[in-house]
Amino acid sequence: MQAELHEGERQLSRPHDQAGMEAILARQVRDLERARHDLEQFAYIASHDLQEPLRMVSGYLQLLERRYKGRLDDDADDFINFAMDGARRMQTLISDLLAYSRIGSRGKPFEATDLNEVLDRALTAVKEPLDSVQATVTRDVLPTLFADGSQVEQLFQNLLFNAVKFSNGRRPRIHVGAQIQDGEWVFSVTDNGIGIDPQYAEQIFVIFQRLHARDEYPGTGMGLALCKRIVERRGGRIWVESQPGEGATFYFTMPQRGENRLDRGG
C-alpha cells in the first residue's frame, strides 16, 4: 500500500517536473538570445568605433610613404610597407566584423524574394573573378521564398567567390542547385576545386578560422562564418561535403516559410 502511494506521488510530480524543466530551458534560451544580442551590439559598436582611429593611422602611414619612401634607407621602406600592410588587413578585419554583427541586428525584414534574381545579382557582383579564370556556372531554377534578399545575395557571393578562390589553377566548374526535401529547400553550390579535409568541415564556419596561410590564399576567415549567420537567421543550417582534391559541395537549407531567428532578444 505504501509503495502504491509513493508511485502515485511520483506520477503526480512528473507534470510539475516537466513544467519546471520547460521553464528552465525557456529561460536559458532567452538568456542565450539576450547574450547573443548584447555580443552583436558590442561587436557593432567596437568595430564601428575602431574605424576612425584606424583611418587616422592609415592616413599618416600613407603620408609617410609618399613623403619619405626612397629617401631613407631600405629598412625604413620595409618598415613603412609592413605597417601599411598591417593597417590594410586590420581595416578588412574590422569591416568583416562589422558586417557579421549587422546580420542579426540590422537585417531587413523578410519579404517574398525571387532567388533567381538574387543569384543573378550575385553573379554580376563576382563577374570579374569568374571571368578571370574562365569559370563555368550552371544553375537550377530557384524558388521564391520569404527572405532578406541582400543577405542571400551576400551568401551566394561568398560561396561563388570561394569556388574561384580555391580552384588551384583549375578552370572552375560551379553548379548552383536547389531541391525541396521534407518541407524545406536544400540549396547547393558545387565546385571542382581543391576540396576540404572532412576533419575541418565544422571549423571552417567558425569566425576568423583559416585553413591556409595568407600568402597561399588571402582572406580573413570570415566569409563562411557570415554565410552560417545568414542561413541561421533564416532558420536553416549549412554544411559542406568534400574530400581533398575532389572539390566541395556547400549545402544550406531554408524552410518554405521561415521566421527571423536572430532578431529576437534584447
C-alpha atoms as a PDB file:
ATOM      1  CA  MET A   1       0.000   0.000   0.000  1.00  0.00           C
ATOM      2  CA  GLN A   2       2.808   2.371   0.918  1.00  0.00           C
ATOM      3  CA  ALA A   3       4.613   1.553  -2.327  1.00  0.00           C
ATOM      4  CA  GLU A   4       1.465   2.409  -4.284  1.00  0.00           C
ATOM      5  CA  LEU A   5       1.273   5.773  -2.510  1.00  0.00           C
ATOM      6  CA  HIS A   6       4.905   6.541  -3.387  1.00  0.00           C
ATOM      7  CA  GLU A   7       4.237   5.639  -7.020  1.00  0.00           C
ATOM      8  CA  GLY A   8       1.194   7.911  -7.029  1.00  0.00           C
ATOM      9  CA  GLU A   9       3.268  10.765  -5.626  1.00  0.00           C
ATOM     10  CA  ARG A  10       5.893  10.246  -8.347  1.00  0.00           C
ATOM     11  CA  GLN A  11       3.244  10.293 -11.056  1.00  0.00           C
ATOM     12  CA  LEU A  12       1.737  13.480  -9.669  1.00  0.00           C
ATOM     13  CA  SER A  13       5.131  15.143  -9.524  1.00  0.00           C
ATOM     14  CA  ARG A  14       6.108  14.336 -13.123  1.00  0.00           C
ATOM     15  CA  PRO A  15       3.972  17.017 -14.823  1.00  0.00           C
ATOM     16  CA  HIS A  16       5.315  19.581 -12.380  1.00  0.00           C
ATOM     17  CA  ASP A  17       8.896  18.431 -13.011  1.00  0.00           C
ATOM     18  CA  GLN A  18       8.354  18.622 -16.752  1.00  0.00           C
ATOM     19  CA  ALA A  19       6.829  22.091 -16.498  1.00  0.00           C
ATOM     20  CA  GLY A  20       9.739  23.188 -14.323  1.00  0.00           C
ATOM     21  CA  MET A  21      12.290  21.872 -16.821  1.00  0.00           C
ATOM     22  CA  GLU A  22      10.498  23.569 -19.710  1.00  0.00           C
ATOM     23  CA  ALA A  23      10.512  26.856 -17.789  1.00  0.00           C
ATOM     24  CA  ILE A  24      14.243  26.485 -17.079  1.00  0.00           C
ATOM     25  CA  LEU A  25      15.002  25.701 -20.728  1.00  0.00           C
ATOM     26  CA  ALA A  26      12.892  28.632 -21.912  1.00  0.00           C
ATOM     27  CA  ARG A  27      14.714  30.955 -19.510  1.00  0.00           C
ATOM     28  CA  GLN A  28      18.109  29.651 -20.687  1.00  0.00           C
ATOM     29  CA  VAL A  29      17.110  30.203 -24.324  1.00  0.00           C
ATOM     30  CA  ARG A  30      16.076  33.775 -23.521  1.00  0.00           C
ATOM     31  CA  ASP A  31      19.350  34.355 -21.674  1.00  0.00           C
ATOM     32  CA  LEU A  32      21.356  32.997 -24.620  1.00  0.00           C
ATOM     33  CA  GLU A  33      19.449  35.146 -27.094  1.00  0.00           C
ATOM     34  CA  ARG A  34      19.967  38.216 -24.913  1.00  0.00           C
ATOM     35  CA  ALA A  35      23.682  37.444 -24.580  1.00  0.00           C
ATOM     36  CA  ARG A  36      23.946  36.974 -28.342  1.00  0.00           C
ATOM     37  CA  HIS A  37      22.143  40.251 -28.927  1.00  0.00           C
ATOM     38  CA  ASP A  38      24.463  42.036 -26.484  1.00  0.00           C
ATOM     39  CA  LEU A  39      27.500  40.487 -28.179  1.00  0.00           C
ATOM     40  CA  GLU A  40      26.265  41.639 -31.587  1.00  0.00           C
ATOM     41  CA  GLN A  41      25.786  45.153 -30.232  1.00  0.00           C
ATOM     42  CA  PHE A  42      29.277  45.127 -28.714  1.00  0.00           C
ATOM     43  CA  ALA A  43      30.813  43.861 -31.959  1.00  0.00           C
ATOM     44  CA  TYR A  44      28.994  46.534 -33.937  1.00  0.00           C
ATOM     45  CA  ILE A  45      29.972  49.381 -31.617  1.00  0.00           C
ATOM     46  CA  ALA A  46      33.568  48.198 -31.228  1.00  0.00           C
ATOM     47  CA  SER A  47      34.150  47.672 -34.933  1.00  0.00           C
ATOM     48  CA  HIS A  48      32.363  50.906 -35.860  1.00  0.00           C
ATOM     49  CA  ASP A  49      34.321  52.987 -33.331  1.00  0.00           C
ATOM     50  CA  LEU A  50      37.639  51.401 -34.313  1.00  0.00           C
ATOM     51  CA  GLN A  51      37.300  52.613 -37.879  1.00  0.00           C
ATOM     52  CA  GLU A  52      38.032  56.270 -37.125  1.00  0.00           C
ATOM     53  CA  PRO A  53      41.394  55.814 -35.309  1.00  0.00           C
ATOM     54  CA  LEU A  54      42.410  53.229 -37.894  1.00  0.00           C
ATOM     55  CA  ARG A  55      41.634  55.675 -40.707  1.00  0.00           C
ATOM     56  CA  MET A  56      43.874  58.213 -38.965  1.00  0.00           C
ATOM     57  CA  VAL A  57      46.715  55.682 -38.625  1.00  0.00           C
ATOM     58  CA  SER A  58      46.338  54.653 -42.265  1.00  0.00           C
ATOM     59  CA  GLY A  59      46.272  58.278 -43.367  1.00  0.00           C
ATOM     60  CA  TYR A  60      49.521  59.130 -41.620  1.00  0.00           C
ATOM     61  CA  LEU A  61      51.177  55.951 -42.900  1.00  0.00           C
ATOM     62  CA  GLN A  62      50.216  56.921 -46.452  1.00  0.00           C
ATOM     63  CA  LEU A  63      51.655  60.377 -45.820  1.00  0.00           C
ATOM     64  CA  LEU A  64      54.903  58.830 -44.595  1.00  0.00           C
ATOM     65  CA  GLU A  65      55.023  56.599 -47.642  1.00  0.00           C
ATOM     66  CA  ARG A  66      54.509  59.454 -50.097  1.00  0.00           C
ATOM     67  CA  ARG A  67      56.926  61.803 -48.377  1.00  0.00           C
ATOM     68  CA  TYR A  68      59.762  59.548 -47.296  1.00  0.00           C
ATOM     69  CA  LYS A  69      59.709  56.369 -49.407  1.00  0.00           C
ATOM     70  CA  GLY A  70      63.064  56.076 -51.166  1.00  0.00           C
ATOM     71  CA  ARG A  71      64.526  58.985 -49.200  1.00  0.00           C
ATOM     72  CA  LEU A  72      65.588  56.931 -46.207  1.00  0.00           C
ATOM     73  CA  ASP A  73      67.245  53.521 -46.207  1.00  0.00           C
ATOM     74  CA  ASP A  74      65.817  50.208 -47.400  1.00  0.00           C
ATOM     75  CA  ASP A  75      64.911  49.160 -43.862  1.00  0.00           C
ATOM     76  CA  ALA A  76      62.752  52.246 -43.422  1.00  0.00           C
ATOM     77  CA  ASP A  77      60.895  51.481 -46.655  1.00  0.00           C
ATOM     78  CA  ASP A  78      60.299  47.917 -45.457  1.00  0.00           C
ATOM     79  CA  PHE A  79      59.012  49.159 -42.102  1.00  0.00           C
ATOM     80  CA  ILE A  80      56.553  51.501 -43.812  1.00  0.00           C
ATOM     81  CA  ASN A  81      55.369  48.702 -46.118  1.00  0.00           C
ATOM     82  CA  PHE A  82      54.852  46.336 -43.176  1.00  0.00           C
ATOM     83  CA  ALA A  83      52.871  48.985 -41.297  1.00  0.00           C
ATOM     84  CA  MET A  84      50.749  49.763 -44.368  1.00  0.00           C
ATOM     85  CA  ASP A  85      50.005  46.072 -44.923  1.00  0.00           C
ATOM     86  CA  GLY A  86      49.039  45.641 -41.262  1.00  0.00           C
ATOM     87  CA  ALA A  87      46.713  48.646 -41.410  1.00  0.00           C
ATOM     88  CA  ARG A  88      45.039  47.334 -44.567  1.00  0.00           C
ATOM     89  CA  ARG A  89      44.491  43.902 -43.025  1.00  0.00           C
ATOM     90  CA  MET A  90      43.123  45.457 -39.848  1.00  0.00           C
ATOM     91  CA  GLN A  91      40.692  47.541 -41.905  1.00  0.00           C
ATOM     92  CA  THR A  92      39.481  44.394 -43.670  1.00  0.00           C
ATOM     93  CA  LEU A  93      39.059  42.561 -40.370  1.00  0.00           C
ATOM     94  CA  ILE A  94      37.078  45.427 -38.872  1.00  0.00           C
ATOM     95  CA  SER A  95      34.870  45.704 -41.950  1.00  0.00           C
ATOM     96  CA  ASP A  96      34.156  41.960 -41.868  1.00  0.00           C
ATOM     97  CA  LEU A  97      33.395  42.052 -38.144  1.00  0.00           C
ATOM     98  CA  LEU A  98      31.039  44.965 -38.695  1.00  0.00           C
ATOM     99  CA  ALA A  99      29.261  43.046 -41.473  1.00  0.00           C
ATOM    100  CA  TYR A 100      28.992  39.991 -39.205  1.00  0.00           C
ATOM    101  CA  SER A 101      27.458  41.978 -36.354  1.00  0.00           C
ATOM    102  CA  ARG A 102      24.895  43.569 -38.687  1.00  0.00           C
ATOM    103  CA  ILE A 103      23.416  40.293 -39.926  1.00  0.00           C
ATOM    104  CA  GLY A 104      21.203  39.702 -36.914  1.00  0.00           C
ATOM    105  CA  SER A 105      20.719  43.190 -35.531  1.00  0.00           C
ATOM    106  CA  ARG A 106      20.354  45.215 -38.724  1.00  0.00           C
ATOM    107  CA  GLY A 107      18.948  42.765 -41.241  1.00  0.00           C
ATOM    108  CA  LYS A 108      15.972  43.741 -43.377  1.00  0.00           C
ATOM    109  CA  PRO A 109      12.516  42.247 -42.728  1.00  0.00           C
ATOM    110  CA  PHE A 110      11.770  39.131 -44.740  1.00  0.00           C
ATOM    111  CA  GLU A 111       9.704  39.562 -47.892  1.00  0.00           C
ATOM    112  CA  ALA A 112       8.830  37.452 -50.915  1.00  0.00           C
ATOM    113  CA  THR A 113      12.115  37.191 -52.813  1.00  0.00           C
ATOM    114  CA  ASP A 114      12.801  35.626 -56.190  1.00  0.00           C
ATOM    115  CA  LEU A 115      16.087  33.838 -55.546  1.00  0.00           C
ATOM    116  CA  ASN A 116      16.774  33.624 -59.283  1.00  0.00           C
ATOM    117  CA  GLU A 117      17.074  37.426 -59.305  1.00  0.00           C
ATOM    118  CA  VAL A 118      19.203  37.295 -56.180  1.00  0.00           C
ATOM    119  CA  LEU A 119      21.581  34.810 -57.801  1.00  0.00           C
ATOM    120  CA  ASP A 120      21.727  36.994 -60.931  1.00  0.00           C
ATOM    121  CA  ARG A 121      22.893  39.931 -58.799  1.00  0.00           C
ATOM    122  CA  ALA A 122      25.452  37.757 -57.010  1.00  0.00           C
ATOM    123  CA  LEU A 123      26.859  36.516 -60.322  1.00  0.00           C
ATOM    124  CA  THR A 124      27.130  40.106 -61.554  1.00  0.00           C
ATOM    125  CA  ALA A 125      28.970  41.105 -58.381  1.00  0.00           C
ATOM    126  CA  VAL A 126      31.596  38.345 -58.823  1.00  0.00           C
ATOM    127  CA  LYS A 127      31.717  38.541 -62.627  1.00  0.00           C
ATOM    128  CA  GLU A 128      35.305  39.805 -62.712  1.00  0.00           C
ATOM    129  CA  PRO A 129      36.840  36.949 -60.677  1.00  0.00           C
ATOM    130  CA  LEU A 130      34.661  34.418 -62.519  1.00  0.00           C
ATOM    131  CA  ASP A 131      35.731  35.747 -65.921  1.00  0.00           C
ATOM    132  CA  SER A 132      39.395  35.977 -64.903  1.00  0.00           C
ATOM    133  CA  VAL A 133      39.570  32.176 -64.555  1.00  0.00           C
ATOM    134  CA  GLN A 134      37.010  31.392 -67.277  1.00  0.00           C
ATOM    135  CA  ALA A 135      34.682  29.764 -64.747  1.00  0.00           C
ATOM    136  CA  THR A 136      31.615  27.890 -65.939  1.00  0.00           C
ATOM    137  CA  VAL A 137      28.492  28.339 -63.800  1.00  0.00           C
ATOM    138  CA  THR A 138      25.348  26.248 -64.242  1.00  0.00           C
ATOM    139  CA  ARG A 139      22.196  26.547 -62.187  1.00  0.00           C
ATOM    140  CA  ASP A 140      18.831  25.076 -61.324  1.00  0.00           C
ATOM    141  CA  VAL A 141      15.673  27.137 -61.253  1.00  0.00           C
ATOM    142  CA  LEU A 142      15.418  28.645 -57.779  1.00  0.00           C
ATOM    143  CA  PRO A 143      12.225  29.261 -55.794  1.00  0.00           C
ATOM    144  CA  THR A 144      10.644  32.429 -54.442  1.00  0.00           C
ATOM    145  CA  LEU A 145      10.860  32.468 -50.644  1.00  0.00           C
ATOM    146  CA  PHE A 146      10.447  34.922 -47.802  1.00  0.00           C
ATOM    147  CA  ALA A 147      13.975  36.144 -47.123  1.00  0.00           C
ATOM    148  CA  ASP A 148      16.299  39.110 -46.804  1.00  0.00           C
ATOM    149  CA  GLY A 149      17.385  39.353 -50.436  1.00  0.00           C
ATOM    150  CA  SER A 150      20.531  41.393 -49.782  1.00  0.00           C
ATOM    151  CA  GLN A 151      21.809  38.853 -47.263  1.00  0.00           C
ATOM    152  CA  VAL A 152      21.068  35.868 -49.507  1.00  0.00           C
ATOM    153  CA  GLU A 153      22.921  37.690 -52.292  1.00  0.00           C
ATOM    154  CA  GLN A 154      25.903  38.034 -49.955  1.00  0.00           C
ATOM    155  CA  LEU A 155      25.625  34.331 -49.142  1.00  0.00           C
ATOM    156  CA  PHE A 156      25.772  33.359 -52.827  1.00  0.00           C
ATOM    157  CA  GLN A 157      28.610  35.810 -53.469  1.00  0.00           C
ATOM    158  CA  ASN A 158      30.763  34.310 -50.724  1.00  0.00           C
ATOM    159  CA  LEU A 159      30.205  30.726 -51.868  1.00  0.00           C
ATOM    160  CA  LEU A 160      30.821  31.567 -55.537  1.00  0.00           C
ATOM    161  CA  PHE A 161      33.937  33.567 -54.719  1.00  0.00           C
ATOM    162  CA  ASN A 162      35.303  30.704 -52.612  1.00  0.00           C
ATOM    163  CA  ALA A 163      34.773  28.311 -55.520  1.00  0.00           C
ATOM    164  CA  VAL A 164      37.009  30.555 -57.621  1.00  0.00           C
ATOM    165  CA  LYS A 165      39.495  31.306 -54.866  1.00  0.00           C
ATOM    166  CA  PHE A 166      40.171  27.643 -54.102  1.00  0.00           C
ATOM    167  CA  SER A 167      40.234  26.393 -57.679  1.00  0.00           C
ATOM    168  CA  ASN A 168      44.042  25.991 -57.511  1.00  0.00           C
ATOM    169  CA  GLY A 169      44.670  26.731 -61.149  1.00  0.00           C
ATOM    170  CA  ARG A 170      41.870  24.555 -62.473  1.00  0.00           C
ATOM    171  CA  ARG A 171      39.169  26.042 -64.651  1.00  0.00           C
ATOM    172  CA  PRO A 172      36.301  26.241 -62.159  1.00  0.00           C
ATOM    173  CA  ARG A 173      33.068  24.399 -62.860  1.00  0.00           C
ATOM    174  CA  ILE A 174      30.366  25.544 -60.463  1.00  0.00           C
ATOM    175  CA  HIS A 175      26.784  24.402 -60.131  1.00  0.00           C
ATOM    176  CA  VAL A 176      24.095  26.064 -58.013  1.00  0.00           C
ATOM    177  CA  GLY A 177      21.380  23.561 -57.186  1.00  0.00           C
ATOM    178  CA  ALA A 178      18.033  23.612 -55.394  1.00  0.00           C
ATOM    179  CA  GLN A 179      15.538  20.933 -54.442  1.00  0.00           C
ATOM    180  CA  ILE A 180      12.767  20.629 -51.886  1.00  0.00           C
ATOM    181  CA  GLN A 181      13.012  17.966 -49.182  1.00  0.00           C
ATOM    182  CA  ASP A 182      10.691  17.438 -46.217  1.00  0.00           C
ATOM    183  CA  GLY A 183       9.213  20.921 -46.241  1.00  0.00           C
ATOM    184  CA  GLU A 184      12.433  22.836 -46.740  1.00  0.00           C
ATOM    185  CA  TRP A 185      14.542  23.913 -49.673  1.00  0.00           C
ATOM    186  CA  VAL A 186      18.056  22.492 -49.879  1.00  0.00           C
ATOM    187  CA  PHE A 187      20.449  24.637 -51.894  1.00  0.00           C
ATOM    188  CA  SER A 188      23.909  23.597 -53.002  1.00  0.00           C
ATOM    189  CA  VAL A 189      26.984  25.212 -54.523  1.00  0.00           C
ATOM    190  CA  THR A 190      29.297  22.589 -56.005  1.00  0.00           C
ATOM    191  CA  ASP A 191      32.811  23.218 -57.316  1.00  0.00           C
ATOM    192  CA  ASN A 192      35.762  21.218 -58.630  1.00  0.00           C
ATOM    193  CA  GLY A 193      38.403  22.944 -56.500  1.00  0.00           C
ATOM    194  CA  ILE A 194      40.977  21.765 -54.002  1.00  0.00           C
ATOM    195  CA  GLY A 195      38.419  20.315 -51.591  1.00  0.00           C
ATOM    196  CA  ILE A 196      38.449  20.217 -47.797  1.00  0.00           C
ATOM    197  CA  ASP A 197      39.546  17.549 -45.365  1.00  0.00           C
ATOM    198  CA  PRO A 198      36.366  16.339 -43.585  1.00  0.00           C
ATOM    199  CA  GLN A 199      38.003  16.873 -40.190  1.00  0.00           C
ATOM    200  CA  TYR A 200      37.751  20.632 -40.810  1.00  0.00           C
ATOM    201  CA  ALA A 201      34.134  20.554 -42.017  1.00  0.00           C
ATOM    202  CA  GLU A 202      32.842  22.379 -38.924  1.00  0.00           C
ATOM    203  CA  GLN A 203      35.897  24.504 -38.160  1.00  0.00           C
ATOM    204  CA  ILE A 204      35.657  26.435 -41.437  1.00  0.00           C
ATOM    205  CA  PHE A 205      32.373  28.040 -40.329  1.00  0.00           C
ATOM    206  CA  VAL A 206      33.899  29.488 -37.131  1.00  0.00           C
ATOM    207  CA  ILE A 207      34.652  33.201 -37.092  1.00  0.00           C
ATOM    208  CA  PHE A 208      38.234  34.087 -38.148  1.00  0.00           C
ATOM    209  CA  GLN A 209      39.167  30.432 -38.722  1.00  0.00           C
ATOM    210  CA  ARG A 210      41.552  29.818 -41.628  1.00  0.00           C
ATOM    211  CA  LEU A 211      42.969  26.571 -43.006  1.00  0.00           C
ATOM    212  CA  HIS A 212      45.648  28.208 -45.156  1.00  0.00           C
ATOM    213  CA  ALA A 213      48.332  30.836 -44.709  1.00  0.00           C
ATOM    214  CA  ARG A 214      47.591  34.324 -46.035  1.00  0.00           C
ATOM    215  CA  ASP A 215      50.336  34.055 -48.653  1.00  0.00           C
ATOM    216  CA  GLU A 216      48.603  30.940 -50.061  1.00  0.00           C
ATOM    217  CA  TYR A 217      45.016  32.209 -50.053  1.00  0.00           C
ATOM    218  CA  PRO A 218      44.167  35.753 -48.905  1.00  0.00           C
ATOM    219  CA  GLY A 219      41.235  36.484 -46.641  1.00  0.00           C
ATOM    220  CA  THR A 220      40.177  36.990 -43.025  1.00  0.00           C
ATOM    221  CA  GLY A 221      38.410  33.705 -42.351  1.00  0.00           C
ATOM    222  CA  MET A 222      35.061  35.496 -42.063  1.00  0.00           C
ATOM    223  CA  GLY A 223      33.337  34.512 -45.317  1.00  0.00           C
ATOM    224  CA  LEU A 224      31.863  31.181 -44.254  1.00  0.00           C
ATOM    225  CA  ALA A 225      31.073  32.464 -40.754  1.00  0.00           C
ATOM    226  CA  LEU A 226      28.984  35.170 -42.441  1.00  0.00           C
ATOM    227  CA  CYS A 227      27.280  32.504 -44.556  1.00  0.00           C
ATOM    228  CA  LYS A 228      26.430  30.487 -41.452  1.00  0.00           C
ATOM    229  CA  ARG A 229      24.999  33.537 -39.718  1.00  0.00           C
ATOM    230  CA  ILE A 230      22.832  34.439 -42.706  1.00  0.00           C
ATOM    231  CA  VAL A 231      21.480  30.900 -43.043  1.00  0.00           C
ATOM    232  CA  GLU A 232      20.733  30.600 -39.326  1.00  0.00           C
ATOM    233  CA  ARG A 233      18.851  33.890 -39.362  1.00  0.00           C
ATOM    234  CA  ARG A 234      16.561  32.326 -41.976  1.00  0.00           C
ATOM    235  CA  GLY A 235      16.036  29.273 -39.730  1.00  0.00           C
ATOM    236  CA  GLY A 236      18.260  26.954 -41.784  1.00  0.00           C
ATOM    237  CA  ARG A 237      21.585  25.177 -41.469  1.00  0.00           C
ATOM    238  CA  ILE A 238      24.735  24.991 -43.571  1.00  0.00           C
ATOM    239  CA  TRP A 239      27.348  22.281 -44.041  1.00  0.00           C
ATOM    240  CA  VAL A 240      29.952  21.040 -46.504  1.00  0.00           C
ATOM    241  CA  GLU A 241      30.666  17.658 -48.061  1.00  0.00           C
ATOM    242  CA  SER A 242      34.114  17.308 -49.552  1.00  0.00           C
ATOM    243  CA  GLN A 243      37.336  15.382 -49.899  1.00  0.00           C
ATOM    244  CA  PRO A 244      40.806  16.848 -50.561  1.00  0.00           C
ATOM    245  CA  GLY A 245      41.397  17.242 -54.288  1.00  0.00           C
ATOM    246  CA  GLU A 246      37.823  16.329 -55.212  1.00  0.00           C
ATOM    247  CA  GLY A 247      36.032  19.654 -54.968  1.00  0.00           C
ATOM    248  CA  ALA A 248      33.389  20.626 -52.435  1.00  0.00           C
ATOM    249  CA  THR A 249      29.645  20.991 -52.166  1.00  0.00           C
ATOM    250  CA  PHE A 250      28.274  23.541 -49.738  1.00  0.00           C
ATOM    251  CA  TYR A 251      24.666  22.893 -48.736  1.00  0.00           C
ATOM    252  CA  PHE A 252      22.303  25.227 -46.953  1.00  0.00           C
ATOM    253  CA  THR A 253      18.617  24.980 -46.169  1.00  0.00           C
ATOM    254  CA  MET A 254      15.683  27.360 -45.948  1.00  0.00           C
ATOM    255  CA  PRO A 255      12.266  26.335 -44.651  1.00  0.00           C
ATOM    256  CA  GLN A 256       9.460  27.070 -47.095  1.00  0.00           C
ATOM    257  CA  ARG A 257       8.223  29.634 -44.614  1.00  0.00           C
ATOM    258  CA  GLY A 258      10.793  30.737 -42.077  1.00  0.00           C
ATOM    259  CA  GLU A 259      10.993  33.258 -39.310  1.00  0.00           C
ATOM    260  CA  ASN A 260      13.791  35.615 -38.413  1.00  0.00           C
ATOM    261  CA  ARG A 261      15.747  33.592 -35.837  1.00  0.00           C
ATOM    262  CA  LEU A 262      18.373  36.190 -34.853  1.00  0.00           C
ATOM    263  CA  ASP A 263      16.360  39.376 -34.409  1.00  0.00           C
ATOM    264  CA  ARG A 264      14.870  38.374 -31.063  1.00  0.00           C
ATOM    265  CA  GLY A 265      16.180  39.153 -27.650  1.00  0.00           C
ATOM    266  CA  GLY A 266      17.175  42.428 -26.105  1.00  0.00           C
END
